N, C-alpha and C. Protein backbone atom coordinates (compact mmCIF):
# COMPACT_ATOMS: atom_id res chain seq x y z
N MET A 1 25.69 29.14 13.62
CA MET A 1 25.08 29.36 14.94
C MET A 1 25.10 30.85 15.25
N PRO A 2 23.98 31.42 15.69
CA PRO A 2 23.96 32.84 16.04
C PRO A 2 24.86 33.10 17.24
N GLY A 3 25.05 34.37 17.56
CA GLY A 3 25.92 34.74 18.66
C GLY A 3 25.29 34.57 20.02
N TRP A 4 24.06 34.08 20.09
CA TRP A 4 23.39 33.90 21.37
C TRP A 4 22.76 32.52 21.44
N GLU A 5 22.45 32.09 22.65
CA GLU A 5 21.86 30.78 22.87
C GLU A 5 20.61 30.90 23.74
N VAL A 6 19.76 29.89 23.68
CA VAL A 6 18.55 29.83 24.49
C VAL A 6 18.73 28.70 25.51
N PHE A 7 18.51 29.02 26.78
CA PHE A 7 18.71 28.05 27.86
C PHE A 7 17.41 27.81 28.60
N GLU A 8 17.15 26.54 28.89
CA GLU A 8 16.00 26.15 29.70
C GLU A 8 16.46 26.02 31.15
N TYR A 9 15.68 26.60 32.06
CA TYR A 9 15.91 26.35 33.48
C TYR A 9 14.64 25.71 34.03
N SER A 10 14.79 24.55 34.66
CA SER A 10 13.67 23.84 35.28
C SER A 10 14.04 23.55 36.73
N ARG A 11 13.01 23.39 37.56
CA ARG A 11 13.25 23.09 38.97
C ARG A 11 12.09 22.28 39.51
N VAL A 12 12.42 21.27 40.32
CA VAL A 12 11.41 20.53 41.07
C VAL A 12 11.81 20.56 42.54
N SER A 13 10.82 20.65 43.40
CA SER A 13 11.08 20.86 44.82
C SER A 13 11.52 19.62 45.57
N THR A 14 11.12 18.45 45.10
CA THR A 14 11.49 17.22 45.81
C THR A 14 12.20 16.27 44.87
N LEU A 15 12.95 15.37 45.44
CA LEU A 15 13.69 14.40 44.63
C LEU A 15 12.75 13.40 43.96
N GLU A 16 11.53 13.21 44.51
CA GLU A 16 10.58 12.27 43.94
C GLU A 16 9.94 12.82 42.66
N GLN A 17 9.94 14.15 42.51
CA GLN A 17 9.36 14.77 41.32
C GLN A 17 10.36 14.72 40.18
N ASN A 18 9.86 14.92 38.96
CA ASN A 18 10.77 15.07 37.84
C ASN A 18 10.34 16.27 37.00
N ALA A 19 11.24 16.73 36.16
CA ALA A 19 10.99 17.94 35.37
C ALA A 19 10.50 17.63 33.97
N ASP A 20 10.02 16.40 33.73
CA ASP A 20 9.62 16.00 32.38
C ASP A 20 8.53 16.89 31.79
N LEU A 21 7.52 17.24 32.59
CA LEU A 21 6.43 18.09 32.10
C LEU A 21 6.97 19.45 31.67
N GLN A 22 7.83 20.02 32.51
CA GLN A 22 8.42 21.32 32.18
C GLN A 22 9.26 21.21 30.91
N HIS A 23 10.09 20.18 30.85
CA HIS A 23 10.99 20.00 29.72
C HIS A 23 10.21 19.82 28.41
N ALA A 24 9.16 19.03 28.44
CA ALA A 24 8.35 18.80 27.24
C ALA A 24 7.74 20.10 26.74
N ALA A 25 7.25 20.92 27.66
CA ALA A 25 6.64 22.20 27.28
C ALA A 25 7.67 23.18 26.72
N LEU A 26 8.91 23.05 27.14
CA LEU A 26 9.95 23.99 26.72
C LEU A 26 10.71 23.54 25.47
N MET A 27 10.49 22.31 25.03
CA MET A 27 11.20 21.81 23.84
C MET A 27 10.93 22.70 22.62
N ALA A 28 9.73 23.21 22.53
CA ALA A 28 9.37 24.06 21.39
C ALA A 28 10.12 25.38 21.38
N ALA A 29 10.65 25.78 22.51
CA ALA A 29 11.38 27.05 22.59
C ALA A 29 12.76 26.94 21.95
N GLY A 30 13.17 25.75 21.58
CA GLY A 30 14.44 25.56 20.90
C GLY A 30 15.64 25.80 21.79
N CYS A 31 15.61 25.27 22.99
CA CYS A 31 16.70 25.48 23.94
C CYS A 31 17.97 24.76 23.50
N ASP A 32 19.09 25.45 23.68
CA ASP A 32 20.39 24.88 23.34
C ASP A 32 20.96 24.05 24.49
N ARG A 33 20.60 24.41 25.70
CA ARG A 33 21.13 23.70 26.87
C ARG A 33 20.10 23.75 27.99
N ILE A 34 20.08 22.72 28.83
CA ILE A 34 19.09 22.60 29.90
C ILE A 34 19.80 22.54 31.25
N PHE A 35 19.28 23.29 32.20
CA PHE A 35 19.77 23.27 33.58
C PHE A 35 18.58 22.92 34.46
N VAL A 36 18.71 21.86 35.28
CA VAL A 36 17.59 21.40 36.12
C VAL A 36 18.07 21.24 37.56
N ASP A 37 17.38 21.89 38.49
CA ASP A 37 17.62 21.69 39.91
C ASP A 37 16.59 20.70 40.43
N HIS A 38 17.06 19.61 41.06
CA HIS A 38 16.18 18.58 41.62
C HIS A 38 16.20 18.69 43.14
N GLY A 39 15.01 18.68 43.74
CA GLY A 39 14.92 18.67 45.20
C GLY A 39 15.37 19.97 45.84
N VAL A 40 15.15 21.09 45.14
CA VAL A 40 15.60 22.39 45.65
C VAL A 40 14.41 23.34 45.69
N SER A 41 14.21 23.97 46.82
CA SER A 41 13.11 24.91 46.98
C SER A 41 13.36 26.17 46.17
N GLY A 42 12.29 26.70 45.60
CA GLY A 42 12.39 27.95 44.85
C GLY A 42 12.56 29.16 45.74
N THR A 43 12.42 28.98 47.06
CA THR A 43 12.62 30.10 47.97
C THR A 43 14.10 30.38 48.19
N MET A 44 14.94 29.42 47.83
CA MET A 44 16.39 29.61 47.99
C MET A 44 16.91 30.45 46.82
N ALA A 45 17.60 31.54 47.14
CA ALA A 45 18.15 32.39 46.08
C ALA A 45 19.29 31.70 45.36
N SER A 46 20.06 30.89 46.08
CA SER A 46 21.20 30.20 45.49
C SER A 46 20.85 28.73 45.29
N ARG A 47 20.90 28.29 44.03
CA ARG A 47 20.62 26.90 43.68
C ARG A 47 21.73 26.42 42.74
N PRO A 48 22.22 25.19 42.90
CA PRO A 48 23.38 24.73 42.13
C PRO A 48 23.28 24.91 40.62
N GLU A 49 22.21 24.40 40.02
CA GLU A 49 22.09 24.49 38.56
C GLU A 49 21.78 25.90 38.10
N LEU A 50 21.00 26.64 38.88
CA LEU A 50 20.74 28.04 38.53
C LEU A 50 22.04 28.83 38.56
N ASN A 51 22.88 28.58 39.56
CA ASN A 51 24.17 29.26 39.64
C ASN A 51 25.04 28.94 38.43
N LYS A 52 25.05 27.66 38.00
CA LYS A 52 25.82 27.28 36.80
C LYS A 52 25.29 28.01 35.58
N LEU A 53 23.96 28.08 35.46
CA LEU A 53 23.35 28.76 34.33
C LEU A 53 23.77 30.22 34.31
N LEU A 54 23.68 30.89 35.45
CA LEU A 54 24.02 32.31 35.52
C LEU A 54 25.48 32.57 35.16
N GLU A 55 26.36 31.64 35.54
CA GLU A 55 27.78 31.78 35.20
C GLU A 55 28.02 31.55 33.71
N HIS A 56 27.21 30.72 33.09
CA HIS A 56 27.40 30.33 31.69
C HIS A 56 26.86 31.37 30.70
N LEU A 57 25.88 32.18 31.12
CA LEU A 57 25.21 33.11 30.22
C LEU A 57 26.14 34.19 29.68
N ARG A 58 25.86 34.57 28.41
CA ARG A 58 26.58 35.68 27.77
C ARG A 58 25.55 36.69 27.27
N LYS A 59 26.01 37.87 26.97
CA LYS A 59 25.13 38.92 26.45
C LYS A 59 24.38 38.42 25.23
N GLY A 60 23.06 38.65 25.21
CA GLY A 60 22.21 38.22 24.11
C GLY A 60 21.53 36.89 24.34
N ASP A 61 22.00 36.08 25.30
CA ASP A 61 21.39 34.79 25.60
C ASP A 61 19.99 34.98 26.19
N GLU A 62 19.19 33.92 26.11
CA GLU A 62 17.83 33.97 26.65
C GLU A 62 17.62 32.81 27.62
N VAL A 63 16.96 33.10 28.75
CA VAL A 63 16.60 32.08 29.74
C VAL A 63 15.09 31.87 29.61
N VAL A 64 14.70 30.61 29.42
CA VAL A 64 13.29 30.26 29.26
C VAL A 64 12.89 29.33 30.39
N VAL A 65 11.76 29.64 31.04
CA VAL A 65 11.22 28.79 32.11
C VAL A 65 9.79 28.41 31.75
N TRP A 66 9.33 27.31 32.35
CA TRP A 66 7.96 26.86 32.13
C TRP A 66 6.97 27.81 32.81
N LYS A 67 7.22 28.11 34.09
CA LYS A 67 6.40 29.05 34.87
C LYS A 67 7.33 29.90 35.72
N LEU A 68 6.86 31.08 36.09
CA LEU A 68 7.67 31.99 36.90
C LEU A 68 8.13 31.35 38.20
N ASP A 69 7.26 30.56 38.84
CA ASP A 69 7.63 30.00 40.15
C ASP A 69 8.76 28.98 40.06
N ARG A 70 9.10 28.52 38.85
CA ARG A 70 10.24 27.63 38.70
C ARG A 70 11.55 28.40 38.86
N LEU A 71 11.54 29.67 38.48
CA LEU A 71 12.74 30.50 38.61
C LEU A 71 12.87 31.03 40.03
N GLY A 72 11.76 31.34 40.66
CA GLY A 72 11.80 31.84 42.04
C GLY A 72 10.43 31.95 42.63
N ARG A 73 10.32 31.74 43.95
CA ARG A 73 9.03 31.78 44.62
C ARG A 73 8.92 32.99 45.53
N ASN A 74 9.87 33.87 45.45
CA ASN A 74 9.87 35.09 46.24
C ASN A 74 9.93 36.26 45.26
N THR A 75 8.95 37.15 45.32
CA THR A 75 8.86 38.23 44.35
C THR A 75 10.14 39.06 44.30
N ARG A 76 10.67 39.41 45.45
CA ARG A 76 11.87 40.25 45.50
C ARG A 76 13.05 39.56 44.81
N ASN A 77 13.28 38.28 45.14
CA ASN A 77 14.39 37.55 44.52
C ASN A 77 14.18 37.36 43.02
N LEU A 78 12.95 37.05 42.63
CA LEU A 78 12.63 36.84 41.23
C LEU A 78 12.90 38.10 40.41
N LEU A 79 12.40 39.23 40.89
CA LEU A 79 12.60 40.48 40.17
C LEU A 79 14.07 40.89 40.15
N ALA A 80 14.79 40.65 41.24
CA ALA A 80 16.23 40.98 41.28
C ALA A 80 16.99 40.12 40.27
N LEU A 81 16.62 38.85 40.15
CA LEU A 81 17.28 37.96 39.21
C LEU A 81 17.03 38.42 37.77
N ILE A 82 15.80 38.77 37.47
CA ILE A 82 15.47 39.22 36.12
C ILE A 82 16.13 40.57 35.83
N ASP A 83 16.18 41.46 36.83
CA ASP A 83 16.91 42.72 36.67
C ASP A 83 18.37 42.46 36.33
N ASP A 84 18.97 41.49 37.03
CA ASP A 84 20.37 41.14 36.77
C ASP A 84 20.55 40.65 35.33
N LEU A 85 19.63 39.77 34.88
CA LEU A 85 19.71 39.27 33.51
C LEU A 85 19.62 40.40 32.49
N GLU A 86 18.63 41.27 32.68
CA GLU A 86 18.44 42.38 31.75
C GLU A 86 19.63 43.34 31.78
N GLY A 87 20.16 43.58 32.98
CA GLY A 87 21.30 44.47 33.13
C GLY A 87 22.54 43.95 32.42
N ARG A 88 22.63 42.62 32.30
CA ARG A 88 23.77 42.00 31.62
C ARG A 88 23.48 41.75 30.14
N GLY A 89 22.35 42.27 29.65
CA GLY A 89 22.02 42.16 28.23
C GLY A 89 21.43 40.83 27.82
N MET A 90 20.77 40.15 28.76
CA MET A 90 20.15 38.86 28.48
C MET A 90 18.64 38.99 28.49
N HIS A 91 17.96 37.99 27.98
CA HIS A 91 16.51 38.02 27.86
C HIS A 91 15.90 36.93 28.73
N PHE A 92 14.63 37.12 29.07
CA PHE A 92 13.91 36.15 29.91
C PHE A 92 12.53 35.93 29.33
N GLN A 93 12.07 34.68 29.40
CA GLN A 93 10.73 34.35 28.93
C GLN A 93 10.13 33.27 29.81
N SER A 94 8.85 33.44 30.18
CA SER A 94 8.08 32.41 30.89
C SER A 94 7.01 31.92 29.93
N VAL A 95 7.08 30.64 29.55
CA VAL A 95 6.22 30.09 28.52
C VAL A 95 4.75 30.03 28.94
N THR A 96 4.45 29.47 30.11
CA THR A 96 3.07 29.28 30.54
C THR A 96 2.32 30.59 30.69
N GLU A 97 2.97 31.58 31.32
CA GLU A 97 2.32 32.87 31.49
C GLU A 97 2.40 33.74 30.24
N GLY A 98 3.21 33.33 29.26
CA GLY A 98 3.35 34.11 28.03
C GLY A 98 4.00 35.45 28.27
N ILE A 99 4.99 35.48 29.17
CA ILE A 99 5.62 36.75 29.53
C ILE A 99 7.05 36.78 29.05
N SER A 100 7.40 37.88 28.44
CA SER A 100 8.78 38.17 28.11
C SER A 100 9.12 39.43 28.90
N ALA A 101 10.28 39.45 29.54
CA ALA A 101 10.62 40.59 30.41
C ALA A 101 11.06 41.81 29.61
N THR A 102 11.07 41.70 28.29
CA THR A 102 11.46 42.87 27.50
C THR A 102 10.27 43.81 27.38
N GLY A 103 10.51 45.07 27.49
CA GLY A 103 9.47 46.07 27.37
C GLY A 103 8.77 46.36 28.68
N SER A 104 8.17 47.52 28.75
CA SER A 104 7.53 47.95 30.00
C SER A 104 6.29 47.13 30.35
N MET A 105 5.50 46.71 29.34
CA MET A 105 4.30 45.93 29.62
C MET A 105 4.68 44.54 30.14
N GLY A 106 5.66 43.91 29.54
CA GLY A 106 6.11 42.60 30.02
C GLY A 106 6.63 42.69 31.44
N ARG A 107 7.37 43.73 31.73
CA ARG A 107 7.93 43.95 33.07
C ARG A 107 6.80 44.16 34.09
N ALA A 108 5.79 44.94 33.73
CA ALA A 108 4.66 45.19 34.63
C ALA A 108 3.89 43.91 34.91
N MET A 109 3.63 43.11 33.86
CA MET A 109 2.92 41.84 34.04
C MET A 109 3.72 40.89 34.92
N LEU A 110 5.01 40.85 34.71
CA LEU A 110 5.89 40.00 35.51
C LEU A 110 5.78 40.36 36.99
N THR A 111 5.81 41.65 37.29
CA THR A 111 5.72 42.12 38.67
C THR A 111 4.38 41.75 39.30
N VAL A 112 3.29 41.97 38.57
CA VAL A 112 1.95 41.68 39.10
C VAL A 112 1.76 40.18 39.33
N ILE A 113 2.11 39.36 38.35
CA ILE A 113 1.92 37.92 38.48
C ILE A 113 2.76 37.35 39.61
N SER A 114 4.02 37.78 39.72
CA SER A 114 4.87 37.24 40.79
C SER A 114 4.38 37.70 42.16
N ALA A 115 3.83 38.92 42.25
CA ALA A 115 3.29 39.40 43.53
C ALA A 115 2.08 38.56 43.95
N PHE A 116 1.18 38.25 43.01
CA PHE A 116 0.02 37.42 43.33
C PHE A 116 0.43 35.99 43.68
N ALA A 117 1.43 35.47 43.01
CA ALA A 117 1.91 34.12 43.33
C ALA A 117 2.47 34.08 44.75
N GLN A 118 3.21 35.12 45.14
CA GLN A 118 3.75 35.15 46.49
C GLN A 118 2.63 35.30 47.51
N LEU A 119 1.62 36.11 47.20
CA LEU A 119 0.48 36.26 48.10
C LEU A 119 -0.20 34.91 48.32
N GLU A 120 -0.40 34.16 47.26
CA GLU A 120 -1.01 32.83 47.37
C GLU A 120 -0.18 31.91 48.26
N ARG A 121 1.15 31.90 48.08
CA ARG A 121 2.01 31.05 48.91
C ARG A 121 1.96 31.49 50.37
N ASP A 122 1.98 32.80 50.62
CA ASP A 122 1.93 33.30 51.98
C ASP A 122 0.62 32.93 52.67
N GLN A 123 -0.49 33.01 51.94
CA GLN A 123 -1.79 32.65 52.51
C GLN A 123 -1.85 31.15 52.81
N LEU A 124 -1.30 30.33 51.94
CA LEU A 124 -1.27 28.89 52.16
C LEU A 124 -0.46 28.57 53.42
N ALA A 125 0.70 29.20 53.56
CA ALA A 125 1.53 28.98 54.75
C ALA A 125 0.80 29.42 56.01
N GLU A 126 0.09 30.54 55.92
CA GLU A 126 -0.67 31.04 57.07
C GLU A 126 -1.78 30.06 57.47
N ARG A 127 -2.51 29.53 56.49
CA ARG A 127 -3.57 28.56 56.79
C ARG A 127 -3.00 27.27 57.36
N THR A 128 -1.85 26.86 56.86
CA THR A 128 -1.20 25.65 57.38
C THR A 128 -0.82 25.83 58.84
N ARG A 129 -0.20 26.98 59.15
CA ARG A 129 0.18 27.26 60.56
C ARG A 129 -1.04 27.31 61.46
N ALA A 130 -2.13 27.91 60.98
CA ALA A 130 -3.35 28.00 61.78
C ALA A 130 -3.92 26.61 62.03
N GLY A 131 -3.93 25.76 61.01
CA GLY A 131 -4.42 24.39 61.17
C GLY A 131 -3.58 23.59 62.14
N MET A 132 -2.27 23.78 62.09
CA MET A 132 -1.37 23.08 63.02
C MET A 132 -1.60 23.55 64.46
N ALA A 133 -1.87 24.83 64.63
CA ALA A 133 -2.12 25.37 65.98
C ALA A 133 -3.42 24.78 66.55
N VAL A 134 -4.46 24.68 65.71
CA VAL A 134 -5.73 24.10 66.15
C VAL A 134 -5.52 22.63 66.52
N ALA A 135 -4.78 21.90 65.69
CA ALA A 135 -4.52 20.48 65.97
C ALA A 135 -3.77 20.34 67.29
N ALA A 136 -2.76 21.17 67.53
CA ALA A 136 -1.99 21.11 68.78
C ALA A 136 -2.87 21.43 69.98
N ALA A 137 -3.76 22.41 69.81
CA ALA A 137 -4.66 22.78 70.91
C ALA A 137 -5.62 21.64 71.24
N ASN A 138 -5.92 20.80 70.27
CA ASN A 138 -6.80 19.65 70.50
C ASN A 138 -6.03 18.38 70.81
N GLY A 139 -4.73 18.51 71.08
CA GLY A 139 -3.91 17.38 71.48
C GLY A 139 -3.47 16.47 70.35
N ARG A 140 -3.59 16.93 69.13
CA ARG A 140 -3.16 16.11 68.00
C ARG A 140 -1.83 16.62 67.46
N LYS A 141 -1.04 15.69 67.02
CA LYS A 141 0.24 16.05 66.43
C LYS A 141 0.02 16.29 64.93
N ALA A 142 0.52 17.41 64.44
CA ALA A 142 0.37 17.73 63.02
C ALA A 142 1.28 16.83 62.19
N GLY A 143 0.88 16.61 60.96
CA GLY A 143 1.71 15.83 60.05
C GLY A 143 1.22 14.41 59.88
N ARG A 144 2.01 13.68 59.12
CA ARG A 144 1.66 12.31 58.80
C ARG A 144 1.87 11.39 60.00
N ARG A 145 0.96 10.44 60.17
CA ARG A 145 1.05 9.50 61.27
C ARG A 145 2.32 8.67 61.11
N GLU A 146 3.02 8.48 62.20
CA GLU A 146 4.28 7.75 62.16
C GLU A 146 4.02 6.25 62.08
N VAL A 147 4.51 5.64 61.01
CA VAL A 147 4.32 4.20 60.80
C VAL A 147 5.21 3.39 61.73
N THR A 148 6.37 3.95 62.08
CA THR A 148 7.32 3.19 62.89
C THR A 148 6.83 2.91 64.30
N SER A 149 5.76 3.58 64.73
CA SER A 149 5.24 3.29 66.07
C SER A 149 4.43 1.98 66.06
N ASP A 150 4.13 1.48 64.88
CA ASP A 150 3.40 0.22 64.75
C ASP A 150 4.43 -0.92 64.84
N HIS A 151 4.53 -1.53 66.02
CA HIS A 151 5.57 -2.53 66.27
C HIS A 151 5.45 -3.76 65.36
N ALA A 152 4.24 -4.11 64.99
CA ALA A 152 4.06 -5.27 64.10
C ALA A 152 4.67 -4.97 62.73
N LYS A 153 4.47 -3.75 62.25
CA LYS A 153 5.03 -3.38 60.95
C LYS A 153 6.56 -3.33 61.00
N VAL A 154 7.08 -2.82 62.11
CA VAL A 154 8.55 -2.74 62.26
C VAL A 154 9.13 -4.16 62.27
N LYS A 155 8.48 -5.07 63.01
CA LYS A 155 8.96 -6.45 63.06
C LYS A 155 8.88 -7.08 61.67
N ARG A 156 7.79 -6.85 60.97
CA ARG A 156 7.63 -7.40 59.61
C ARG A 156 8.72 -6.83 58.69
N ALA A 157 9.02 -5.53 58.83
CA ALA A 157 10.06 -4.90 58.01
C ALA A 157 11.42 -5.53 58.29
N ARG A 158 11.70 -5.80 59.57
CA ARG A 158 12.98 -6.44 59.93
C ARG A 158 13.08 -7.84 59.33
N ASP A 159 11.97 -8.59 59.40
CA ASP A 159 11.96 -9.93 58.83
C ASP A 159 12.20 -9.89 57.31
N LEU A 160 11.56 -8.93 56.64
CA LEU A 160 11.73 -8.80 55.20
C LEU A 160 13.14 -8.37 54.83
N LYS A 161 13.73 -7.52 55.67
CA LYS A 161 15.12 -7.09 55.43
C LYS A 161 16.06 -8.29 55.58
N ALA A 162 15.79 -9.11 56.59
CA ALA A 162 16.62 -10.30 56.82
C ALA A 162 16.52 -11.27 55.63
N GLN A 163 15.40 -11.22 54.91
CA GLN A 163 15.23 -12.06 53.73
C GLN A 163 15.93 -11.46 52.51
N GLY A 164 16.49 -10.25 52.66
CA GLY A 164 17.24 -9.62 51.58
C GLY A 164 16.46 -8.67 50.71
N LEU A 165 15.24 -8.30 51.10
CA LEU A 165 14.46 -7.37 50.30
C LEU A 165 14.99 -5.95 50.44
N ALA A 166 14.86 -5.17 49.39
CA ALA A 166 15.28 -3.77 49.38
C ALA A 166 14.25 -2.92 50.13
N PRO A 167 14.67 -1.80 50.74
CA PRO A 167 13.74 -0.95 51.48
C PRO A 167 12.52 -0.51 50.68
N ALA A 168 12.68 -0.22 49.39
CA ALA A 168 11.53 0.19 48.57
C ALA A 168 10.51 -0.94 48.49
N ASP A 169 10.99 -2.17 48.33
CA ASP A 169 10.08 -3.32 48.26
C ASP A 169 9.43 -3.60 49.60
N ILE A 170 10.20 -3.45 50.66
CA ILE A 170 9.64 -3.63 52.02
C ILE A 170 8.52 -2.63 52.24
N GLY A 171 8.77 -1.37 51.83
CA GLY A 171 7.76 -0.32 51.99
C GLY A 171 6.46 -0.64 51.29
N LYS A 172 6.56 -1.19 50.09
CA LYS A 172 5.36 -1.56 49.33
C LYS A 172 4.58 -2.65 50.05
N ILE A 173 5.29 -3.58 50.64
CA ILE A 173 4.64 -4.71 51.32
C ILE A 173 3.94 -4.26 52.61
N ILE A 174 4.63 -3.43 53.41
CA ILE A 174 4.05 -3.04 54.70
C ILE A 174 3.23 -1.76 54.63
N GLY A 175 3.21 -1.11 53.45
CA GLY A 175 2.42 0.11 53.29
C GLY A 175 3.09 1.32 53.89
N ALA A 176 4.38 1.46 53.66
CA ALA A 176 5.13 2.61 54.17
C ALA A 176 6.08 3.10 53.08
N SER A 177 6.53 4.33 53.22
CA SER A 177 7.48 4.86 52.23
C SER A 177 8.86 4.24 52.45
N ARG A 178 9.68 4.33 51.43
CA ARG A 178 11.05 3.82 51.53
C ARG A 178 11.80 4.55 52.65
N ALA A 179 11.58 5.87 52.77
CA ALA A 179 12.24 6.65 53.81
C ALA A 179 11.83 6.17 55.20
N THR A 180 10.56 5.83 55.37
CA THR A 180 10.08 5.32 56.66
C THR A 180 10.74 3.99 56.98
N VAL A 181 10.91 3.15 55.98
CA VAL A 181 11.58 1.86 56.19
C VAL A 181 13.02 2.11 56.64
N TYR A 182 13.71 3.02 55.97
CA TYR A 182 15.08 3.34 56.38
C TYR A 182 15.12 3.80 57.84
N ARG A 183 14.19 4.70 58.20
CA ARG A 183 14.17 5.21 59.59
C ARG A 183 13.84 4.11 60.59
N SER A 184 12.84 3.29 60.26
CA SER A 184 12.40 2.27 61.22
C SER A 184 13.45 1.18 61.41
N LEU A 185 14.27 0.95 60.40
CA LEU A 185 15.31 -0.08 60.51
C LEU A 185 16.68 0.51 60.83
N ASN A 186 16.72 1.83 61.01
CA ASN A 186 17.99 2.52 61.29
C ASN A 186 19.05 2.19 60.27
N ILE A 187 18.67 2.21 59.00
CA ILE A 187 19.59 1.97 57.90
C ILE A 187 20.04 3.33 57.39
N GLU A 188 21.31 3.49 57.15
CA GLU A 188 21.81 4.72 56.55
C GLU A 188 21.25 4.79 55.14
N SER A 189 20.69 5.94 54.74
CA SER A 189 20.06 6.04 53.42
C SER A 189 21.07 5.90 52.30
N SER A 190 22.34 6.15 52.56
CA SER A 190 23.36 5.99 51.52
C SER A 190 23.77 4.52 51.36
N GLN A 191 23.43 3.71 52.36
CA GLN A 191 23.79 2.29 52.34
C GLN A 191 22.84 1.55 51.40
N THR A 192 23.36 0.71 50.57
CA THR A 192 22.51 -0.07 49.68
C THR A 192 22.15 -1.38 50.36
N VAL A 193 20.92 -1.76 50.17
CA VAL A 193 20.44 -3.00 50.77
C VAL A 193 19.95 -3.92 49.69
């Protein structure tokens, strides 16, 4: 075994998502160990699995990600993280963008791509806020319509719960998410039904 290892870092923003697509794309990179954060926003500088990865790395190791936004969604944090890796003698590679942070050209491309990615996210957030303001001005509440206000569905959910059905199954029957069923029935999400 050489004196260095290759590590995969993957991240998905919600618990409903999985990192299978990222992992499949990174298998060819020959990763020795995988760190995956589930349900964690890339805007957070501190993430449990990322922190474990950073503690585990040694000089000469390489961190491989599927896309830059999996490592970070904020240009400043992303560049600071990669600076830290390079300063400690480690390497970084983003497979989809074909970027390695070694060398001046790789570093320049990394900076440009992450800046454009942040611009895109900022514009999306701006358009979302503008749409919500227009909806509020027209007397509409932004977001998904609340299913729990439908008393017939809530009653049906209670009846199905009394029959011993699980919240996920109840949700499929009444056309609501499992989380909505938990909220409408005031069931603790940690409680098994």
